[in-house]
Amino acid sequence: MSGPATIVLDASVGVKWFRKEAGSSEAAALYGDAVAGRVRLTVPVHFMHEFLSVLKRELGPAAVPEGWDYLEASGLNAVPLTHEVVSEAAAQCEALGCSFYDALSPALASLLGGELVSADARAHGAYPGVRLIG
């Protein structure tokens, strides 16, 4: 029996967990599915930094520890940079015409066979099978 489906998130989805904007309800549903164990949310390690930085900028420093707890509760699988991830991200930069930073989530989706979920159509719209929210 296989485990929960792997969903690879771009940080553009994570910030919708606290911003009320287009795509917020779908982002919240993904979070709920992760907490319930129905899906496995996977992110490049920089997702954590980006999420917490936006949280601090928009809600203030006091929100950062609570934001960290929120991330931990989801069971996010944060994948560090490795030679394999870096090589695939470089290939995704070429294929998608995006920055290296933006290529990390598509690289993980490709390597892990997971679904890429993003709110950044400019960076990820050309990725095969991407689910764009918002």
C-alpha atoms as a PDB file:
ATOM      1  CA  MET A   1       0.000   0.000   0.000  1.00  0.00           C
ATOM      2  CA  SER A   2       1.413   3.390  -0.941  1.00  0.00           C
ATOM      3  CA  GLY A   3       1.549   6.397   1.325  1.00  0.00           C
ATOM      4  CA  PRO A   4      -0.096   9.769   0.874  1.00  0.00           C
ATOM      5  CA  ALA A   5       0.354  11.631  -2.407  1.00  0.00           C
ATOM      6  CA  THR A   6       3.351  13.955  -2.618  1.00  0.00           C
ATOM      7  CA  ILE A   7       2.445  17.586  -3.239  1.00  0.00           C
ATOM      8  CA  VAL A   8       5.344  19.965  -3.873  1.00  0.00           C
ATOM      9  CA  LEU A   9       4.520  23.523  -2.864  1.00  0.00           C
ATOM     10  CA  ASP A  10       5.985  26.780  -4.021  1.00  0.00           C
ATOM     11  CA  ALA A  11       6.203  29.442  -1.300  1.00  0.00           C
ATOM     12  CA  SER A  12       3.561  31.432  -3.204  1.00  0.00           C
ATOM     13  CA  VAL A  13       1.055  28.860  -1.913  1.00  0.00           C
ATOM     14  CA  GLY A  14       2.314  28.938   1.673  1.00  0.00           C
ATOM     15  CA  VAL A  15       1.780  32.670   2.051  1.00  0.00           C
ATOM     16  CA  LYS A  16      -1.887  32.120   1.157  1.00  0.00           C
ATOM     17  CA  TRP A  17      -2.247  30.318   4.494  1.00  0.00           C
ATOM     18  CA  PHE A  18      -2.345  33.709   6.213  1.00  0.00           C
ATOM     19  CA  ARG A  19      -3.319  36.095   3.416  1.00  0.00           C
ATOM     20  CA  LYS A  20      -6.971  36.252   2.485  1.00  0.00           C
ATOM     21  CA  GLU A  21      -6.756  36.401  -1.309  1.00  0.00           C
ATOM     22  CA  ALA A  22      -7.578  34.343  -4.378  1.00  0.00           C
ATOM     23  CA  GLY A  23      -6.503  30.757  -3.786  1.00  0.00           C
ATOM     24  CA  SER A  24      -6.476  30.996   0.025  1.00  0.00           C
ATOM     25  CA  SER A  25      -9.220  28.411   0.492  1.00  0.00           C
ATOM     26  CA  GLU A  26      -7.457  25.905  -1.771  1.00  0.00           C
ATOM     27  CA  ALA A  27      -4.158  26.511   0.049  1.00  0.00           C
ATOM     28  CA  ALA A  28      -5.920  26.015   3.394  1.00  0.00           C
ATOM     29  CA  ALA A  29      -7.441  22.759   2.131  1.00  0.00           C
ATOM     30  CA  LEU A  30      -3.981  21.469   1.196  1.00  0.00           C
ATOM     31  CA  TYR A  31      -2.736  22.347   4.680  1.00  0.00           C
ATOM     32  CA  GLY A  32      -5.698  20.532   6.242  1.00  0.00           C
ATOM     33  CA  ASP A  33      -5.072  17.481   4.062  1.00  0.00           C
ATOM     34  CA  ALA A  34      -1.433  17.452   5.207  1.00  0.00           C
ATOM     35  CA  VAL A  35      -2.309  17.719   8.904  1.00  0.00           C
ATOM     36  CA  ALA A  36      -4.808  14.863   8.442  1.00  0.00           C
ATOM     37  CA  GLY A  37      -2.163  12.746   6.675  1.00  0.00           C
ATOM     38  CA  ARG A  38      -3.997  12.597   3.343  1.00  0.00           C
ATOM     39  CA  VAL A  39      -1.121  14.264   1.456  1.00  0.00           C
ATOM     40  CA  ARG A  40       2.575  14.803   2.071  1.00  0.00           C
ATOM     41  CA  LEU A  41       3.597  18.428   1.523  1.00  0.00           C
ATOM     42  CA  THR A  42       7.158  18.710   0.272  1.00  0.00           C
ATOM     43  CA  VAL A  43       9.076  21.944  -0.160  1.00  0.00           C
ATOM     44  CA  PRO A  44      12.586  23.117  -0.939  1.00  0.00           C
ATOM     45  CA  VAL A  45      14.274  24.192   2.286  1.00  0.00           C
ATOM     46  CA  HIS A  46      14.199  27.876   1.279  1.00  0.00           C
ATOM     47  CA  PHE A  47      10.372  27.728   1.503  1.00  0.00           C
ATOM     48  CA  MET A  48      10.670  28.008   5.296  1.00  0.00           C
ATOM     49  CA  HIS A  49      12.827  31.135   5.110  1.00  0.00           C
ATOM     50  CA  GLU A  50      10.626  32.780   2.503  1.00  0.00           C
ATOM     51  CA  PHE A  51       7.392  31.967   4.366  1.00  0.00           C
ATOM     52  CA  LEU A  52       8.677  33.289   7.697  1.00  0.00           C
ATOM     53  CA  SER A  53      10.166  36.402   6.098  1.00  0.00           C
ATOM     54  CA  VAL A  54       6.850  37.325   4.460  1.00  0.00           C
ATOM     55  CA  LEU A  55       5.033  36.588   7.719  1.00  0.00           C
ATOM     56  CA  LYS A  56       7.376  38.917   9.630  1.00  0.00           C
ATOM     57  CA  ARG A  57       7.047  41.664   7.012  1.00  0.00           C
ATOM     58  CA  GLU A  58       3.244  41.532   6.923  1.00  0.00           C
ATOM     59  CA  LEU A  59       2.337  40.642  10.516  1.00  0.00           C
ATOM     60  CA  GLY A  60       5.407  41.628  12.535  1.00  0.00           C
ATOM     61  CA  PRO A  61       8.146  39.734  14.375  1.00  0.00           C
ATOM     62  CA  ALA A  62       5.790  38.365  17.026  1.00  0.00           C
ATOM     63  CA  ALA A  63       4.040  36.279  14.334  1.00  0.00           C
ATOM     64  CA  VAL A  64       7.195  34.379  13.351  1.00  0.00           C
ATOM     65  CA  PRO A  65       7.293  31.779  16.182  1.00  0.00           C
ATOM     66  CA  GLU A  66       3.596  31.029  15.667  1.00  0.00           C
ATOM     67  CA  GLY A  67       4.252  30.728  11.935  1.00  0.00           C
ATOM     68  CA  TRP A  68       7.028  28.248  12.633  1.00  0.00           C
ATOM     69  CA  ASP A  69       4.667  26.180  14.798  1.00  0.00           C
ATOM     70  CA  TYR A  70       2.143  26.261  11.952  1.00  0.00           C
ATOM     71  CA  LEU A  71       4.754  24.925   9.530  1.00  0.00           C
ATOM     72  CA  GLU A  72       5.794  22.183  11.922  1.00  0.00           C
ATOM     73  CA  ALA A  73       2.182  21.087  12.491  1.00  0.00           C
ATOM     74  CA  SER A  74       1.777  20.457   8.762  1.00  0.00           C
ATOM     75  CA  GLY A  75       4.566  17.880   8.731  1.00  0.00           C
ATOM     76  CA  LEU A  76       6.257  19.643   5.814  1.00  0.00           C
ATOM     77  CA  ASN A  77       9.040  17.623   4.264  1.00  0.00           C
ATOM     78  CA  ALA A  78      11.745  20.260   3.680  1.00  0.00           C
ATOM     79  CA  VAL A  79      14.305  18.993   1.171  1.00  0.00           C
ATOM     80  CA  PRO A  80      17.821  20.446   1.365  1.00  0.00           C
ATOM     81  CA  LEU A  81      19.948  21.332  -1.615  1.00  0.00           C
ATOM     82  CA  THR A  82      21.875  18.391  -3.014  1.00  0.00           C
ATOM     83  CA  HIS A  83      23.779  17.949  -6.258  1.00  0.00           C
ATOM     84  CA  GLU A  84      20.744  16.187  -7.733  1.00  0.00           C
ATOM     85  CA  VAL A  85      18.346  18.982  -6.708  1.00  0.00           C
ATOM     86  CA  VAL A  86      20.704  21.710  -7.954  1.00  0.00           C
ATOM     87  CA  SER A  87      21.213  19.942 -11.296  1.00  0.00           C
ATOM     88  CA  GLU A  88      17.481  19.472 -11.831  1.00  0.00           C
ATOM     89  CA  ALA A  89      16.773  23.073 -10.799  1.00  0.00           C
ATOM     90  CA  ALA A  90      19.304  24.276 -13.376  1.00  0.00           C
ATOM     91  CA  ALA A  91      17.484  22.224 -16.024  1.00  0.00           C
ATOM     92  CA  GLN A  92      14.128  23.668 -14.885  1.00  0.00           C
ATOM     93  CA  CYS A  93      15.541  27.215 -15.179  1.00  0.00           C
ATOM     94  CA  GLU A  94      16.255  26.491 -18.813  1.00  0.00           C
ATOM     95  CA  ALA A  95      12.924  24.767 -19.483  1.00  0.00           C
ATOM     96  CA  LEU A  96      10.729  27.320 -17.696  1.00  0.00           C
ATOM     97  CA  GLY A  97      12.743  30.500 -18.204  1.00  0.00           C
ATOM     98  CA  CYS A  98      12.608  31.249 -14.486  1.00  0.00           C
ATOM     99  CA  SER A  99      15.129  32.075 -11.773  1.00  0.00           C
ATOM    100  CA  PHE A 100      17.049  29.347  -9.975  1.00  0.00           C
ATOM    101  CA  TYR A 101      15.143  30.190  -6.817  1.00  0.00           C
ATOM    102  CA  ASP A 102      11.818  29.676  -8.620  1.00  0.00           C
ATOM    103  CA  ALA A 103      13.072  26.460 -10.246  1.00  0.00           C
ATOM    104  CA  LEU A 104      13.577  24.589  -6.969  1.00  0.00           C
ATOM    105  CA  SER A 105       9.941  23.529  -6.466  1.00  0.00           C
ATOM    106  CA  PRO A 106       9.529  22.255 -10.049  1.00  0.00           C
ATOM    107  CA  ALA A 107      12.848  20.432  -9.655  1.00  0.00           C
ATOM    108  CA  LEU A 108      11.570  18.619  -6.571  1.00  0.00           C
ATOM    109  CA  ALA A 109       8.274  17.778  -8.265  1.00  0.00           C
ATOM    110  CA  SER A 110      10.200  16.303 -11.176  1.00  0.00           C
ATOM    111  CA  LEU A 111      12.610  14.324  -8.999  1.00  0.00           C
ATOM    112  CA  LEU A 112       9.945  13.008  -6.625  1.00  0.00           C
ATOM    113  CA  GLY A 113       7.163  12.447  -9.146  1.00  0.00           C
ATOM    114  CA  GLY A 114       4.930  14.767  -7.131  1.00  0.00           C
ATOM    115  CA  GLU A 115       2.358  17.316  -8.174  1.00  0.00           C
ATOM    116  CA  LEU A 116       3.602  20.920  -8.270  1.00  0.00           C
ATOM    117  CA  VAL A 117       1.179  23.422  -6.731  1.00  0.00           C
ATOM    118  CA  SER A 118       1.981  27.102  -7.228  1.00  0.00           C
ATOM    119  CA  ALA A 119       0.349  30.503  -7.314  1.00  0.00           C
ATOM    120  CA  ASP A 120       3.120  31.875  -9.544  1.00  0.00           C
ATOM    121  CA  ALA A 121       1.879  31.428 -13.117  1.00  0.00           C
ATOM    122  CA  ARG A 122       4.745  33.480 -14.539  1.00  0.00           C
ATOM    123  CA  ALA A 123       7.421  31.199 -13.086  1.00  0.00           C
ATOM    124  CA  HIS A 124       5.615  27.855 -13.168  1.00  0.00           C
ATOM    125  CA  GLY A 125       2.831  28.047 -15.752  1.00  0.00           C
ATOM    126  CA  ALA A 126       4.821  26.075 -18.332  1.00  0.00           C
ATOM    127  CA  TYR A 127       5.606  23.200 -15.956  1.00  0.00           C
ATOM    128  CA  PRO A 128       3.746  20.065 -17.145  1.00  0.00           C
ATOM    129  CA  GLY A 129       0.799  19.247 -14.896  1.00  0.00           C
ATOM    130  CA  VAL A 130       1.233  22.215 -12.548  1.00  0.00           C
ATOM    131  CA  ARG A 131      -1.811  23.081 -10.449  1.00  0.00           C
ATOM    132  CA  LEU A 132      -2.029  26.863 -10.349  1.00  0.00           C
ATOM    133  CA  ILE A 133      -4.126  28.346  -7.570  1.00  0.00           C
ATOM    134  CA  GLY A 134      -5.287  31.905  -7.135  1.00  0.00           C
END
